[in-house]
Amino acid sequence: MKYLLTNPFLILFLVIPPSLLLIKYKCIPKINFLTLISIQTVLGWALINGGCFYYDIQLKNELKKYNYEYDSMHDANIELISEVQVILKKIRGDGGRNIFTFIFGWLYALLYFVPYLIVYLLLSILKNKSV
């Protein structure tokens, strides 16, 4: 959890969808929803992959605190303290996550955008009915 709050890519990923819809509402009301979805999908994919890359960098920096190099992690004969072992386990086990986000990161972004889009559409329908 501490890595999530310090990851600027993931924070931006969380802020982009409402920001895009706010921009559509306030500044550019004629922008097409397909354009918004495309922007969110591409930006979201880039930010999710950046977030994974940044998370890996944070883990490697944690290892450097213990003067342990990432390249030597395959040496099984070294006795390490428990925190370093936990960090190494996270680094070793995250290959699948990195591949999944590289291939399907756009789907994360799209699925995260859909609830905001539904709320926006409902509010715009209610606004048009009241006018």
N, C-alpha and C. Protein backbone atom coordinates (compact mmCIF):
# COMPACT_ATOMS: atom_id res chain seq x y z
N MET A 1 0.82 -1.20 0.00
CA MET A 1 0.00 0.00 0.00
C MET A 1 0.86 1.25 0.00
N LYS A 2 2.02 1.17 0.67
CA LYS A 2 2.86 2.37 0.71
C LYS A 2 3.40 2.71 -0.67
N TYR A 3 3.55 1.70 -1.53
CA TYR A 3 4.04 1.97 -2.87
C TYR A 3 2.97 2.61 -3.74
N LEU A 4 1.73 2.28 -3.50
CA LEU A 4 0.63 2.85 -4.29
C LEU A 4 0.51 4.35 -4.07
N LEU A 5 0.64 4.78 -2.84
CA LEU A 5 0.46 6.20 -2.53
C LEU A 5 1.63 7.06 -2.99
N THR A 6 2.76 6.45 -3.25
CA THR A 6 3.92 7.22 -3.71
C THR A 6 4.19 7.05 -5.20
N ASN A 7 3.29 6.38 -5.90
CA ASN A 7 3.48 6.12 -7.32
C ASN A 7 2.73 7.18 -8.13
N PRO A 8 3.44 8.12 -8.75
CA PRO A 8 2.76 9.21 -9.47
C PRO A 8 1.99 8.71 -10.69
N PHE A 9 2.42 7.62 -11.30
CA PHE A 9 1.72 7.09 -12.47
C PHE A 9 0.34 6.56 -12.08
N LEU A 10 0.26 5.86 -10.97
CA LEU A 10 -1.03 5.32 -10.55
C LEU A 10 -1.96 6.41 -10.04
N ILE A 11 -1.40 7.43 -9.42
CA ILE A 11 -2.23 8.56 -8.98
C ILE A 11 -2.82 9.27 -10.20
N LEU A 12 -2.00 9.49 -11.22
CA LEU A 12 -2.50 10.10 -12.45
C LEU A 12 -3.55 9.21 -13.12
N PHE A 13 -3.33 7.90 -13.08
CA PHE A 13 -4.29 6.97 -13.65
C PHE A 13 -5.66 7.12 -12.98
N LEU A 14 -5.66 7.35 -11.68
CA LEU A 14 -6.91 7.50 -10.96
C LEU A 14 -7.58 8.84 -11.21
N VAL A 15 -6.80 9.85 -11.58
CA VAL A 15 -7.32 11.21 -11.74
C VAL A 15 -7.76 11.51 -13.18
N ILE A 16 -7.20 10.84 -14.14
CA ILE A 16 -7.45 11.15 -15.55
C ILE A 16 -8.93 11.00 -15.96
N PRO A 17 -9.64 9.92 -15.64
CA PRO A 17 -11.03 9.80 -16.12
C PRO A 17 -11.96 10.92 -15.68
N PRO A 18 -12.01 11.26 -14.39
CA PRO A 18 -12.89 12.38 -14.05
C PRO A 18 -12.42 13.70 -14.65
N SER A 19 -11.12 13.84 -14.82
CA SER A 19 -10.60 15.07 -15.43
C SER A 19 -11.03 15.19 -16.89
N LEU A 20 -10.97 14.09 -17.63
CA LEU A 20 -11.40 14.13 -19.03
C LEU A 20 -12.88 14.50 -19.14
N LEU A 21 -13.69 13.93 -18.28
CA LEU A 21 -15.12 14.24 -18.33
C LEU A 21 -15.42 15.66 -17.88
N LEU A 22 -14.63 16.15 -16.93
CA LEU A 22 -14.79 17.55 -16.51
C LEU A 22 -14.39 18.50 -17.63
N ILE A 23 -13.34 18.17 -18.33
CA ILE A 23 -12.92 18.98 -19.48
C ILE A 23 -14.02 18.97 -20.55
N LYS A 24 -14.60 17.80 -20.78
CA LYS A 24 -15.70 17.73 -21.75
C LYS A 24 -16.88 18.58 -21.31
N TYR A 25 -17.21 18.54 -20.05
CA TYR A 25 -18.36 19.28 -19.54
C TYR A 25 -18.13 20.79 -19.56
N LYS A 26 -16.95 21.22 -19.11
CA LYS A 26 -16.69 22.67 -18.95
C LYS A 26 -16.13 23.33 -20.21
N CYS A 27 -15.17 22.71 -20.85
CA CYS A 27 -14.43 23.40 -21.91
C CYS A 27 -14.83 23.01 -23.34
N ILE A 28 -14.90 21.72 -23.58
CA ILE A 28 -15.10 21.25 -24.95
C ILE A 28 -16.31 20.33 -24.99
N PRO A 29 -17.53 20.86 -24.92
CA PRO A 29 -18.69 19.98 -24.88
C PRO A 29 -18.96 19.21 -26.18
N LYS A 30 -18.40 19.67 -27.28
CA LYS A 30 -18.66 19.00 -28.55
C LYS A 30 -17.70 17.85 -28.83
N ILE A 31 -16.79 17.58 -27.91
CA ILE A 31 -15.86 16.47 -28.14
C ILE A 31 -16.62 15.15 -28.13
N ASN A 32 -16.25 14.28 -29.02
CA ASN A 32 -16.92 13.00 -29.22
C ASN A 32 -16.56 12.03 -28.08
N PHE A 33 -17.51 11.19 -27.68
CA PHE A 33 -17.22 10.20 -26.63
C PHE A 33 -16.19 9.17 -27.09
N LEU A 34 -16.19 8.85 -28.37
CA LEU A 34 -15.20 7.92 -28.89
C LEU A 34 -13.78 8.49 -28.74
N THR A 35 -13.66 9.78 -28.93
CA THR A 35 -12.36 10.44 -28.73
C THR A 35 -11.94 10.37 -27.27
N LEU A 36 -12.89 10.62 -26.36
CA LEU A 36 -12.58 10.52 -24.93
C LEU A 36 -12.16 9.11 -24.55
N ILE A 37 -12.88 8.14 -25.06
CA ILE A 37 -12.55 6.74 -24.75
C ILE A 37 -11.17 6.39 -25.30
N SER A 38 -10.86 6.87 -26.49
CA SER A 38 -9.54 6.61 -27.08
C SER A 38 -8.42 7.26 -26.27
N ILE A 39 -8.63 8.50 -25.87
CA ILE A 39 -7.63 9.20 -25.06
C ILE A 39 -7.42 8.47 -23.74
N GLN A 40 -8.51 8.09 -23.08
CA GLN A 40 -8.41 7.38 -21.81
C GLN A 40 -7.72 6.04 -21.97
N THR A 41 -8.03 5.33 -23.04
CA THR A 41 -7.43 4.02 -23.25
C THR A 41 -5.92 4.12 -23.46
N VAL A 42 -5.50 5.04 -24.29
CA VAL A 42 -4.06 5.18 -24.56
C VAL A 42 -3.32 5.73 -23.34
N LEU A 43 -3.85 6.80 -22.75
CA LEU A 43 -3.20 7.36 -21.56
C LEU A 43 -3.20 6.37 -20.41
N GLY A 44 -4.32 5.69 -20.21
CA GLY A 44 -4.41 4.71 -19.13
C GLY A 44 -3.43 3.57 -19.31
N TRP A 45 -3.31 3.08 -20.55
CA TRP A 45 -2.34 2.01 -20.83
C TRP A 45 -0.92 2.47 -20.49
N ALA A 46 -0.58 3.67 -20.92
CA ALA A 46 0.77 4.19 -20.65
C ALA A 46 1.00 4.39 -19.15
N LEU A 47 0.00 4.90 -18.45
CA LEU A 47 0.15 5.16 -17.02
C LEU A 47 0.20 3.87 -16.20
N ILE A 48 -0.58 2.87 -16.58
CA ILE A 48 -0.52 1.58 -15.87
C ILE A 48 0.84 0.93 -16.06
N ASN A 49 1.35 0.96 -17.27
CA ASN A 49 2.68 0.38 -17.50
C ASN A 49 3.76 1.19 -16.80
N GLY A 50 3.62 2.51 -16.80
CA GLY A 50 4.56 3.34 -16.05
C GLY A 50 4.49 3.05 -14.56
N GLY A 51 3.28 2.81 -14.06
CA GLY A 51 3.12 2.47 -12.65
C GLY A 51 3.80 1.17 -12.28
N CYS A 52 3.69 0.16 -13.13
CA CYS A 52 4.36 -1.12 -12.88
C CYS A 52 5.88 -0.95 -12.92
N PHE A 53 6.35 -0.19 -13.90
CA PHE A 53 7.79 0.05 -14.02
C PHE A 53 8.31 0.81 -12.80
N TYR A 54 7.55 1.81 -12.36
CA TYR A 54 7.95 2.60 -11.20
C TYR A 54 7.94 1.75 -9.92
N TYR A 55 6.97 0.86 -9.80
CA TYR A 55 6.89 -0.05 -8.65
C TYR A 55 8.13 -0.94 -8.60
N ASP A 56 8.56 -1.46 -9.75
CA ASP A 56 9.77 -2.28 -9.79
C ASP A 56 11.00 -1.48 -9.38
N ILE A 57 11.05 -0.23 -9.81
CA ILE A 57 12.17 0.63 -9.41
C ILE A 57 12.16 0.86 -7.90
N GLN A 58 10.97 1.07 -7.33
CA GLN A 58 10.87 1.25 -5.88
C GLN A 58 11.35 0.01 -5.13
N LEU A 59 11.00 -1.17 -5.63
CA LEU A 59 11.46 -2.40 -4.98
C LEU A 59 12.98 -2.54 -5.07
N LYS A 60 13.53 -2.22 -6.22
CA LYS A 60 14.99 -2.30 -6.37
C LYS A 60 15.69 -1.29 -5.46
N ASN A 61 15.10 -0.11 -5.28
CA ASN A 61 15.68 0.87 -4.36
C ASN A 61 15.61 0.40 -2.92
N GLU A 62 14.55 -0.34 -2.58
CA GLU A 62 14.46 -0.93 -1.24
C GLU A 62 15.61 -1.91 -1.02
N LEU A 63 15.94 -2.68 -2.05
CA LEU A 63 17.05 -3.62 -1.93
C LEU A 63 18.38 -2.90 -1.74
N LYS A 64 18.53 -1.76 -2.39
CA LYS A 64 19.78 -1.02 -2.27
C LYS A 64 20.02 -0.52 -0.85
N LYS A 65 18.93 -0.34 -0.10
CA LYS A 65 19.08 0.05 1.30
C LYS A 65 19.85 -1.01 2.08
N TYR A 66 19.68 -2.24 1.67
CA TYR A 66 20.34 -3.36 2.36
C TYR A 66 21.64 -3.77 1.68
N ASN A 67 22.13 -2.93 0.76
CA ASN A 67 23.37 -3.21 0.02
C ASN A 67 23.29 -4.55 -0.69
N TYR A 68 22.15 -4.81 -1.30
CA TYR A 68 21.96 -6.08 -2.00
C TYR A 68 21.60 -5.75 -3.44
N GLU A 69 22.36 -6.22 -4.37
CA GLU A 69 22.16 -5.91 -5.77
C GLU A 69 21.12 -6.84 -6.39
N TYR A 70 20.29 -6.27 -7.23
CA TYR A 70 19.23 -7.03 -7.88
C TYR A 70 19.80 -8.13 -8.76
N ASP A 71 20.94 -7.88 -9.41
CA ASP A 71 21.51 -8.85 -10.33
C ASP A 71 21.98 -10.12 -9.61
N SER A 72 22.29 -10.02 -8.34
CA SER A 72 22.79 -11.20 -7.63
C SER A 72 21.68 -11.94 -6.89
N MET A 73 20.43 -11.66 -7.22
CA MET A 73 19.34 -12.28 -6.48
C MET A 73 19.18 -13.76 -6.78
N HIS A 74 19.81 -14.24 -7.82
CA HIS A 74 19.67 -15.65 -8.17
C HIS A 74 20.59 -16.55 -7.35
N ASP A 75 21.44 -15.96 -6.57
CA ASP A 75 22.34 -16.75 -5.73
C ASP A 75 21.57 -17.23 -4.50
N ALA A 76 21.23 -18.52 -4.48
CA ALA A 76 20.36 -19.05 -3.43
C ALA A 76 21.11 -19.35 -2.13
N ASN A 77 22.42 -19.26 -2.14
CA ASN A 77 23.20 -19.61 -0.95
C ASN A 77 23.31 -18.48 0.05
N ILE A 78 22.87 -17.30 -0.30
CA ILE A 78 23.02 -16.15 0.57
C ILE A 78 21.89 -16.14 1.59
N GLU A 79 22.25 -16.02 2.87
CA GLU A 79 21.24 -15.90 3.93
C GLU A 79 20.90 -14.42 4.07
N LEU A 80 19.63 -14.09 3.90
CA LEU A 80 19.20 -12.69 3.94
C LEU A 80 18.23 -12.49 5.08
N ILE A 81 18.12 -11.26 5.52
CA ILE A 81 17.13 -10.97 6.55
C ILE A 81 15.74 -11.02 5.92
N SER A 82 14.73 -11.15 6.73
CA SER A 82 13.39 -11.45 6.22
C SER A 82 12.82 -10.35 5.31
N GLU A 83 13.10 -9.09 5.58
CA GLU A 83 12.57 -8.02 4.72
C GLU A 83 13.11 -8.11 3.31
N VAL A 84 14.38 -8.41 3.19
CA VAL A 84 14.98 -8.54 1.87
C VAL A 84 14.39 -9.74 1.14
N GLN A 85 14.13 -10.82 1.86
CA GLN A 85 13.52 -11.99 1.24
C GLN A 85 12.12 -11.67 0.72
N VAL A 86 11.37 -10.88 1.47
CA VAL A 86 10.03 -10.49 1.03
C VAL A 86 10.11 -9.64 -0.23
N ILE A 87 11.03 -8.70 -0.26
CA ILE A 87 11.20 -7.83 -1.43
C ILE A 87 11.62 -8.66 -2.65
N LEU A 88 12.53 -9.60 -2.43
CA LEU A 88 12.97 -10.45 -3.53
C LEU A 88 11.82 -11.31 -4.05
N LYS A 89 10.98 -11.77 -3.16
CA LYS A 89 9.83 -12.57 -3.59
C LYS A 89 8.88 -11.73 -4.44
N LYS A 90 8.71 -10.45 -4.08
CA LYS A 90 7.84 -9.57 -4.86
C LYS A 90 8.43 -9.34 -6.25
N ILE A 91 9.75 -9.14 -6.31
CA ILE A 91 10.39 -8.91 -7.61
C ILE A 91 10.30 -10.15 -8.49
N ARG A 92 10.56 -11.30 -7.92
CA ARG A 92 10.52 -12.54 -8.70
C ARG A 92 9.11 -12.87 -9.17
N GLY A 93 8.11 -12.55 -8.38
CA GLY A 93 6.75 -12.94 -8.70
C GLY A 93 5.98 -11.96 -9.56
N ASP A 94 6.57 -10.87 -9.97
CA ASP A 94 5.83 -9.84 -10.68
C ASP A 94 6.02 -9.86 -12.20
N GLY A 95 6.63 -10.86 -12.73
CA GLY A 95 6.81 -10.93 -14.18
C GLY A 95 5.50 -11.07 -14.92
N GLY A 96 4.61 -11.89 -14.37
CA GLY A 96 3.30 -12.08 -15.00
C GLY A 96 2.49 -10.80 -14.99
N ARG A 97 2.57 -10.06 -13.90
CA ARG A 97 1.84 -8.79 -13.82
C ARG A 97 2.34 -7.81 -14.87
N ASN A 98 3.64 -7.76 -15.05
CA ASN A 98 4.19 -6.83 -16.03
C ASN A 98 3.76 -7.19 -17.45
N ILE A 99 3.76 -8.47 -17.77
CA ILE A 99 3.32 -8.89 -19.10
C ILE A 99 1.83 -8.61 -19.28
N PHE A 100 1.05 -8.92 -18.25
CA PHE A 100 -0.40 -8.71 -18.35
C PHE A 100 -0.73 -7.24 -18.54
N THR A 101 -0.07 -6.36 -17.79
CA THR A 101 -0.36 -4.93 -17.95
C THR A 101 0.14 -4.41 -19.29
N PHE A 102 1.21 -4.98 -19.82
CA PHE A 102 1.68 -4.53 -21.12
C PHE A 102 0.69 -4.90 -22.21
N ILE A 103 0.13 -6.10 -22.12
CA ILE A 103 -0.80 -6.54 -23.15
C ILE A 103 -2.21 -6.01 -22.91
N PHE A 104 -2.68 -6.07 -21.66
CA PHE A 104 -4.07 -5.73 -21.36
C PHE A 104 -4.24 -4.47 -20.51
N GLY A 105 -3.22 -3.63 -20.46
CA GLY A 105 -3.33 -2.39 -19.69
C GLY A 105 -4.43 -1.48 -20.20
N TRP A 106 -4.67 -1.53 -21.50
CA TRP A 106 -5.75 -0.73 -22.09
C TRP A 106 -7.11 -1.16 -21.54
N LEU A 107 -7.24 -2.45 -21.20
CA LEU A 107 -8.51 -2.94 -20.66
C LEU A 107 -8.73 -2.43 -19.24
N TYR A 108 -7.65 -2.37 -18.43
CA TYR A 108 -7.74 -1.74 -17.11
C TYR A 108 -8.29 -0.33 -17.25
N ALA A 109 -7.69 0.42 -18.17
CA ALA A 109 -8.06 1.82 -18.35
C ALA A 109 -9.51 1.95 -18.80
N LEU A 110 -9.91 1.10 -19.71
CA LEU A 110 -11.28 1.17 -20.22
C LEU A 110 -12.29 0.79 -19.14
N LEU A 111 -12.01 -0.26 -18.40
CA LEU A 111 -12.93 -0.69 -17.34
C LEU A 111 -13.01 0.34 -16.21
N TYR A 112 -11.92 1.03 -15.95
CA TYR A 112 -11.94 2.06 -14.92
C TYR A 112 -12.71 3.30 -15.38
N PHE A 113 -12.73 3.54 -16.67
CA PHE A 113 -13.40 4.71 -17.23
C PHE A 113 -14.92 4.53 -17.34
N VAL A 114 -15.37 3.30 -17.52
CA VAL A 114 -16.79 3.04 -17.76
C VAL A 114 -17.70 3.56 -16.63
N PRO A 115 -17.42 3.32 -15.35
CA PRO A 115 -18.33 3.87 -14.32
C PRO A 115 -18.43 5.39 -14.35
N TYR A 116 -17.33 6.06 -14.57
CA TYR A 116 -17.36 7.53 -14.67
C TYR A 116 -18.20 7.96 -15.88
N LEU A 117 -18.06 7.25 -16.96
CA LEU A 117 -18.82 7.58 -18.17
C LEU A 117 -20.31 7.36 -17.95
N ILE A 118 -20.68 6.30 -17.26
CA ILE A 118 -22.09 6.03 -16.98
C ILE A 118 -22.68 7.13 -16.10
N VAL A 119 -21.95 7.52 -15.06
CA VAL A 119 -22.42 8.60 -14.18
C VAL A 119 -22.56 9.91 -14.96
N TYR A 120 -21.60 10.19 -15.81
CA TYR A 120 -21.66 11.41 -16.63
C TYR A 120 -22.88 11.39 -17.55
N LEU A 121 -23.11 10.27 -18.19
CA LEU A 121 -24.25 10.18 -19.10
C LEU A 121 -25.58 10.29 -18.34
N LEU A 122 -25.68 9.67 -17.18
CA LEU A 122 -26.90 9.78 -16.39
C LEU A 122 -27.14 11.22 -15.95
N LEU A 123 -26.08 11.89 -15.50
CA LEU A 123 -26.23 13.29 -15.09
C LEU A 123 -26.60 14.19 -16.26
N SER A 124 -26.04 13.93 -17.43
CA SER A 124 -26.39 14.75 -18.59
C SER A 124 -27.83 14.50 -19.04
N ILE A 125 -28.31 13.26 -18.91
CA ILE A 125 -29.71 12.97 -19.24
C ILE A 125 -30.64 13.69 -18.26
N LEU A 126 -30.29 13.63 -16.97
CA LEU A 126 -31.11 14.32 -15.97
C LEU A 126 -31.11 15.83 -16.18
N LYS A 127 -29.98 16.35 -16.57
CA LYS A 127 -29.87 17.79 -16.81
C LYS A 127 -30.74 18.20 -18.00
N ASN A 128 -30.71 17.39 -19.06
CA ASN A 128 -31.51 17.70 -20.26
C ASN A 128 -33.00 17.57 -20.01
N LYS A 129 -33.40 16.65 -19.14
CA LYS A 129 -34.83 16.49 -18.83
C LYS A 129 -35.35 17.63 -17.97
N SER A 130 -34.48 18.15 -17.12
CA SER A 130 -34.93 19.24 -16.24
C SER A 130 -35.01 20.58 -16.95
N VAL A 131 -34.33 20.71 -18.07
CA VAL A 131 -34.32 21.98 -18.81
C VAL A 131 -35.49 22.13 -19.69
